[in-house]
Amino acid sequence: MITCFCISEEGGGHPRAIKSQLGLLGNNADQKKTFTLNGKKKYITCAKEADLFLVAASVGISDDGKNKIQMIKIDSKAPGITIVPMKINLVPEISHCELIFTDVTISETDLLPGDGYIDYIKPFRTVEDLHISAGVLGYLFRNACKYDWGRDIQQSILGCIVSVRSLALNSLTAPAVHIVIGDVLKQITDLFKRLEPFWEKVGGQAKEAWDRDKILMKIADKIRNRRLQTAWEFYE
């Protein structure tokens, strides 16, 4: 199944920016709770093609003033969901959409266990970093072979791929993993610089697409740097 992780809204992806609301509707004949979901999500990748949505919604404010987040699984064909295409200049080959939820009925069995932020959103940010890095590196390795950029370049790309793969198999909440991710991402940035003269020789639409999409690795840099700083502080 194609599954979309639906977090970001108009104000971003931080828990305090999540305004979508999950409200209690009542109990059914089996005494199971039912809920309604209302709100919007933006920049959802592959929403048009998806079978399932994993949606972060607010269930109120906790005693310490934080937005309490609940993760919900929803069939993409459920009544009350409107999918609106968004035009984004970044990797336009992949669809991005806005999702509008209007009185979508949610069963108690559709609520995912645990804390929506701690157990899902927070680790997914690292999952996203690693998988995007792997995708970009795979694309670069393909081009390194296609345009004969030489074994040194191919080896460097493969080394980064192996590092990303190894990190993805570790605990994504471990401070040590975030420290190593910080170094691997720096290696990838350095690799991009090494590849600049090779892309100049390629030229044409391929280079234009690369210049357009390489910024993908810079998205959420501030959040990533904060995670790295927190990871180092763990050992101080």
Protein backbone atom coordinates (compact mmCIF):
# COMPACT_ATOMS: atom_id res chain seq x y z
CA MET A 1 0.00 0.00 0.00
CA ILE A 2 1.10 3.56 -0.69
CA THR A 3 0.83 5.37 2.64
CA CYS A 4 1.15 9.12 3.21
CA PHE A 5 2.42 10.59 6.47
CA CYS A 6 0.32 13.73 6.91
CA ILE A 7 1.77 16.24 9.38
CA SER A 8 2.39 19.71 7.90
CA GLU A 9 -0.26 22.40 7.88
CA GLU A 10 -0.35 26.10 7.02
CA GLY A 11 1.95 26.93 9.93
CA GLY A 12 4.39 24.07 9.38
CA GLY A 13 4.99 20.67 10.93
CA HIS A 14 5.69 21.54 14.57
CA PRO A 15 3.13 20.12 17.03
CA ARG A 16 1.94 23.61 17.96
CA ALA A 17 1.16 24.26 14.27
CA ILE A 18 -1.20 21.28 14.04
CA LYS A 19 -4.75 22.67 14.06
CA SER A 20 -6.60 19.66 12.63
CA GLN A 21 -9.01 18.53 15.32
CA LEU A 22 -10.16 15.08 16.37
CA GLY A 23 -13.40 15.32 18.34
CA LEU A 24 -15.44 12.66 20.13
CA LEU A 25 -18.67 11.88 18.30
CA GLY A 26 -20.13 9.17 20.54
CA ASN A 27 -20.30 5.43 21.13
CA ASN A 28 -21.65 2.86 18.68
CA ALA A 29 -23.69 -0.25 19.41
CA ASP A 30 -20.55 -2.14 20.47
CA GLN A 31 -19.70 0.65 22.92
CA LYS A 32 -16.70 1.65 20.84
CA LYS A 33 -15.94 5.35 20.57
CA THR A 34 -16.28 7.19 17.26
CA PHE A 35 -14.71 10.53 16.37
CA THR A 36 -14.79 13.19 13.68
CA LEU A 37 -11.75 14.72 12.02
CA ASN A 38 -11.73 18.25 10.62
CA GLY A 39 -8.78 20.20 9.25
CA LYS A 40 -6.24 20.54 6.47
CA LYS A 41 -2.82 19.11 5.62
CA LYS A 42 -0.41 20.53 3.02
CA TYR A 43 2.50 19.31 0.89
CA ILE A 44 1.40 15.67 1.10
CA THR A 45 3.57 13.59 -1.19
CA CYS A 46 1.80 11.08 -3.47
CA ALA A 47 -1.61 11.82 -1.91
CA LYS A 48 -3.36 11.20 -5.25
CA GLU A 49 -1.86 7.73 -5.49
CA ALA A 50 -2.20 6.79 -1.81
CA ASP A 51 -4.24 3.96 -0.31
CA LEU A 52 -3.85 5.09 3.29
CA PHE A 53 -3.26 8.33 5.18
CA LEU A 54 -1.54 8.54 8.57
CA VAL A 55 -2.79 11.84 9.96
CA ALA A 56 -1.65 13.87 12.98
CA ALA A 57 -4.49 15.68 14.74
CA SER A 58 -4.89 17.65 17.94
CA VAL A 59 -7.01 16.24 20.74
CA GLY A 60 -6.64 19.30 22.97
CA ILE A 61 -4.07 20.99 25.18
CA SER A 62 -2.34 19.14 28.01
CA ASP A 63 -1.89 20.49 31.55
CA ASP A 64 1.60 21.74 30.65
CA GLY A 65 0.19 23.76 27.74
CA LYS A 66 1.39 21.49 24.93
CA ASN A 67 -0.70 20.43 21.97
CA LYS A 68 -1.66 16.75 22.43
CA ILE A 69 -1.26 14.88 19.15
CA GLN A 70 -3.05 11.72 18.09
CA MET A 71 -2.04 9.72 15.02
CA ILE A 72 -4.89 8.27 12.98
CA LYS A 73 -4.99 5.85 10.05
CA ILE A 74 -7.59 6.68 7.41
CA ASP A 75 -8.56 5.00 4.15
CA SER A 76 -7.79 7.48 1.37
CA LYS A 77 -11.27 6.88 -0.11
CA ALA A 78 -13.10 7.65 3.15
CA PRO A 79 -16.05 10.07 2.83
CA GLY A 80 -15.21 13.67 3.71
CA ILE A 81 -11.67 13.74 2.30
CA THR A 82 -10.93 16.23 -0.48
CA ILE A 83 -7.60 15.99 -2.33
CA VAL A 84 -6.45 19.25 -3.94
CA PRO A 85 -3.34 19.18 -6.20
CA MET A 86 -0.58 21.65 -5.33
CA LYS A 87 1.89 23.01 -7.84
CA ILE A 88 5.39 22.79 -6.40
CA ASN A 89 8.56 23.41 -8.39
CA LEU A 90 10.57 20.90 -6.34
CA VAL A 91 10.67 17.38 -7.84
CA PRO A 92 7.51 18.07 -9.90
CA GLU A 93 7.51 14.47 -11.15
CA ILE A 94 6.12 13.51 -7.71
CA SER A 95 2.63 14.74 -6.86
CA HIS A 96 1.99 17.02 -3.88
CA CYS A 97 -1.47 17.80 -2.58
CA GLU A 98 -3.47 19.51 0.10
CA LEU A 99 -5.86 17.30 2.05
CA ILE A 100 -9.09 18.71 3.46
CA PHE A 101 -10.90 16.67 6.11
CA THR A 102 -14.57 17.56 6.62
CA ASP A 103 -16.38 15.61 9.34
CA VAL A 104 -14.47 12.42 8.52
CA THR A 105 -15.73 9.61 10.75
CA ILE A 106 -12.98 7.88 12.69
CA SER A 107 -13.34 4.61 14.55
CA GLU A 108 -11.56 3.95 17.85
CA THR A 109 -9.71 1.12 16.09
CA ASP A 110 -8.20 3.70 13.69
CA LEU A 111 -6.32 5.48 16.49
CA LEU A 112 -2.65 4.51 16.61
CA PRO A 113 -1.27 3.74 20.09
CA GLY A 114 1.14 6.02 21.91
CA ASP A 115 1.99 9.70 21.80
CA GLY A 116 1.54 11.18 18.32
CA TYR A 117 4.60 13.40 18.56
CA ILE A 118 7.07 11.30 20.58
CA ASP A 119 6.28 7.94 18.96
CA TYR A 120 5.59 9.00 15.36
CA ILE A 121 6.40 12.56 14.27
CA LYS A 122 9.75 12.89 16.02
CA PRO A 123 11.31 9.64 14.73
CA PHE A 124 9.78 10.09 11.28
CA ARG A 125 11.82 13.25 10.74
CA THR A 126 14.94 11.08 10.91
CA VAL A 127 13.34 8.39 8.74
CA GLU A 128 12.63 11.10 6.17
CA ASP A 129 16.21 12.42 6.25
CA LEU A 130 17.67 8.97 5.66
CA HIS A 131 15.25 7.90 2.94
CA ILE A 132 15.54 11.15 0.99
CA SER A 133 19.33 10.89 1.25
CA ALA A 134 19.18 7.30 -0.02
CA GLY A 135 16.97 8.31 -2.95
CA VAL A 136 19.23 11.20 -3.94
CA LEU A 137 22.35 9.05 -3.66
CA GLY A 138 20.77 6.33 -5.77
CA TYR A 139 19.97 8.93 -8.41
CA LEU A 140 23.56 10.21 -8.32
CA PHE A 141 25.01 6.72 -8.62
CA ARG A 142 22.82 6.06 -11.67
CA ASN A 143 24.15 9.22 -13.30
CA ALA A 144 27.73 8.47 -12.27
CA CYS A 145 27.42 5.23 -14.23
CA LYS A 146 25.46 6.71 -17.13
CA TYR A 147 27.87 9.60 -17.70
CA ASP A 148 31.02 7.70 -16.71
CA TRP A 149 32.09 9.95 -13.86
CA GLY A 150 34.76 7.44 -12.84
CA ARG A 151 35.25 4.88 -10.10
CA ASP A 152 36.41 7.36 -7.46
CA ILE A 153 33.08 9.17 -7.64
CA GLN A 154 31.13 5.91 -7.78
CA GLN A 155 32.98 4.63 -4.70
CA SER A 156 32.27 7.81 -2.76
CA ILE A 157 28.55 7.61 -3.59
CA LEU A 158 28.41 3.91 -2.66
CA GLY A 159 30.16 4.65 0.63
CA CYS A 160 27.48 7.20 1.51
CA ILE A 161 24.72 4.77 0.49
CA VAL A 162 26.12 2.07 2.79
CA SER A 163 26.37 4.57 5.66
CA VAL A 164 22.77 5.72 5.20
CA ARG A 165 21.55 2.12 4.99
CA SER A 166 23.39 1.17 8.18
CA LEU A 167 21.99 4.15 10.07
CA ALA A 168 18.44 3.31 8.98
CA LEU A 169 18.79 -0.08 10.70
CA ASN A 170 19.67 1.49 14.06
CA SER A 171 17.54 3.14 16.74
CA LEU A 172 16.38 6.47 15.31
CA THR A 173 16.09 7.97 18.80
CA ALA A 174 19.68 7.19 19.86
CA PRO A 175 21.83 10.35 20.25
CA ALA A 176 24.85 8.57 18.74
CA VAL A 177 22.88 7.84 15.57
CA HIS A 178 22.04 11.54 15.15
CA ILE A 179 25.68 12.50 15.59
CA VAL A 180 26.75 10.07 12.86
CA ILE A 181 23.89 11.22 10.62
CA GLY A 182 25.27 14.75 11.00
CA ASP A 183 28.63 13.60 9.64
CA VAL A 184 27.10 11.57 6.78
CA LEU A 185 25.00 14.54 5.69
CA LYS A 186 28.17 16.66 5.70
CA GLN A 187 29.84 14.04 3.48
CA ILE A 188 26.89 14.23 1.08
CA THR A 189 27.15 18.04 0.97
CA ASP A 190 30.86 17.75 0.20
CA LEU A 191 30.04 15.19 -2.49
CA PHE A 192 27.65 17.64 -4.16
CA LYS A 193 30.52 20.13 -4.43
CA ARG A 194 32.80 17.51 -5.98
CA LEU A 195 30.13 16.75 -8.57
CA GLU A 196 29.65 20.34 -9.78
CA PRO A 197 32.16 20.12 -12.67
CA PHE A 198 30.68 16.77 -13.72
CA TRP A 199 27.18 18.25 -13.90
CA GLU A 200 28.56 21.16 -15.94
CA LYS A 201 29.76 18.67 -18.55
CA VAL A 202 26.37 16.91 -18.57
CA GLY A 203 24.47 20.18 -19.07
CA GLY A 204 21.00 20.38 -20.60
CA GLN A 205 17.77 19.32 -18.90
CA ALA A 206 19.55 16.84 -16.61
CA LYS A 207 21.64 19.60 -15.02
CA GLU A 208 18.64 21.94 -14.81
CA ALA A 209 16.66 19.27 -12.97
CA TRP A 210 19.57 18.65 -10.59
CA ASP A 211 20.03 22.38 -9.87
CA ARG A 212 16.29 22.62 -9.20
CA ASP A 213 15.98 19.59 -6.92
CA LYS A 214 19.27 19.42 -4.97
CA ILE A 215 17.83 21.93 -2.50
CA LEU A 216 15.75 19.00 -1.25
CA MET A 217 18.66 18.11 1.02
CA LYS A 218 18.54 21.55 2.66
CA ILE A 219 14.89 21.38 3.73
CA ALA A 220 14.50 21.35 7.55
CA ASP A 221 18.18 22.20 8.09
CA LYS A 222 17.38 24.22 11.23
CA ILE A 223 15.46 21.35 12.82
CA ARG A 224 18.22 18.91 11.85
CA ASN A 225 20.90 21.12 13.41
CA ARG A 226 18.89 21.38 16.63
CA ARG A 227 18.63 17.60 16.80
CA LEU A 228 22.38 17.31 16.32
CA GLN A 229 23.05 19.85 19.07
CA THR A 230 20.71 17.99 21.44
CA ALA A 231 22.46 14.71 20.62
CA TRP A 232 25.87 16.16 21.56
CA GLU A 233 24.45 17.64 24.76
CA PHE A 234 23.39 14.14 25.82
CA TYR A 235 27.08 13.22 26.23
CA GLU A 236 28.19 16.41 28.00
